[in-house]
Amino acid sequence: KRAVFSSTNFENILTWETEADIPPGTVFEVQYKQYGEKSWLPKAECQSITQHFCNLTGETENFTEHYYARVRA
């Protein structure tokens, strides 16, 4: 829940919160897309991860575009 981008020095990091009662060993998958695109793309380095952040800088480097991201547990 509450997935947000934080952009500092042209680095775009997606962070998110979880429920307090999330089971141990829960893994996350991150997907992203550019505004106007229909398909969500997986971020390869952020599949089956346990941390609550993902660096999407390489996928969101065009600062004139708008991007979406989502996280699935």
Protein backbone atom coordinates (compact mmCIF):
# COMPACT_ATOMS: atom_id res chain seq x y z
CA LYS A 1 0.00 0.00 0.00
CA ARG A 2 1.04 3.62 -0.48
CA ALA A 3 3.52 2.99 -3.27
CA VAL A 4 5.27 6.27 -4.11
CA PHE A 5 8.17 7.48 -6.22
CA SER A 6 10.96 9.45 -4.57
CA SER A 7 13.17 11.34 -7.00
CA THR A 8 16.51 12.73 -5.87
CA ASN A 9 19.46 13.62 -8.12
CA PHE A 10 17.69 11.98 -11.10
CA GLU A 11 17.28 8.67 -9.25
CA ASN A 12 13.72 7.35 -9.12
CA ILE A 13 13.11 4.96 -6.26
CA LEU A 14 9.74 3.31 -5.70
CA THR A 15 8.95 2.60 -2.04
CA TRP A 16 5.90 1.04 -0.44
CA GLU A 17 4.41 0.12 2.91
CA THR A 18 2.92 -3.19 4.00
CA GLU A 19 0.31 -4.23 6.48
CA ALA A 20 1.58 -4.89 9.99
CA ASP A 21 0.50 -8.53 9.88
CA ILE A 22 2.31 -9.48 6.67
CA PRO A 23 3.58 -13.08 6.87
CA PRO A 24 7.34 -13.69 7.19
CA GLY A 25 8.98 -14.50 3.87
CA THR A 26 6.54 -12.45 1.79
CA VAL A 27 8.09 -11.45 -1.54
CA PHE A 28 7.20 -8.58 -3.86
CA GLU A 29 7.06 -8.04 -7.62
CA VAL A 30 7.29 -4.60 -9.23
CA GLN A 31 5.83 -3.61 -12.58
CA TYR A 32 5.90 -0.24 -14.35
CA LYS A 33 4.58 1.45 -17.48
CA GLN A 34 4.72 4.78 -19.22
CA TYR A 35 1.57 6.90 -19.35
CA GLY A 36 -0.52 5.89 -22.36
CA GLU A 37 0.92 2.37 -22.65
CA LYS A 38 -1.42 -0.58 -22.14
CA SER A 39 1.07 -3.20 -20.97
CA TRP A 40 2.75 -3.40 -17.58
CA LEU A 41 6.42 -4.40 -17.71
CA PRO A 42 8.19 -6.34 -14.97
CA LYS A 43 11.31 -4.81 -13.45
CA ALA A 44 13.65 -7.81 -13.65
CA GLU A 45 15.74 -6.87 -10.60
CA CYS A 46 12.61 -6.37 -8.50
CA GLN A 47 10.94 -9.76 -8.81
CA SER A 48 10.65 -12.01 -5.74
CA ILE A 49 12.32 -9.40 -3.52
CA THR A 50 11.84 -8.92 0.22
CA GLN A 51 12.86 -5.25 0.53
CA HIS A 52 10.26 -2.49 0.28
CA PHE A 53 11.94 -0.45 -2.46
CA CYS A 54 12.92 -0.74 -6.12
CA ASN A 55 15.20 1.47 -8.22
CA LEU A 56 13.35 2.36 -11.43
CA THR A 57 15.79 5.03 -12.59
CA GLY A 58 16.73 3.27 -15.84
CA GLU A 59 13.10 2.68 -16.74
CA THR A 60 11.93 6.22 -15.92
CA GLU A 61 14.83 8.31 -17.16
CA ASN A 62 12.81 10.52 -19.52
CA PHE A 63 11.78 13.24 -17.07
CA THR A 64 9.25 14.73 -19.53
CA GLU A 65 7.12 11.55 -19.41
CA HIS A 66 4.76 10.24 -16.74
CA TYR A 67 5.14 6.76 -15.30
CA TYR A 68 3.12 4.36 -13.21
CA ALA A 69 4.34 1.55 -11.00
CA ARG A 70 2.63 -1.15 -9.00
CA VAL A 71 3.65 -3.76 -6.46
CA ARG A 72 2.21 -7.19 -5.85
CA ALA A 73 2.91 -9.28 -2.75
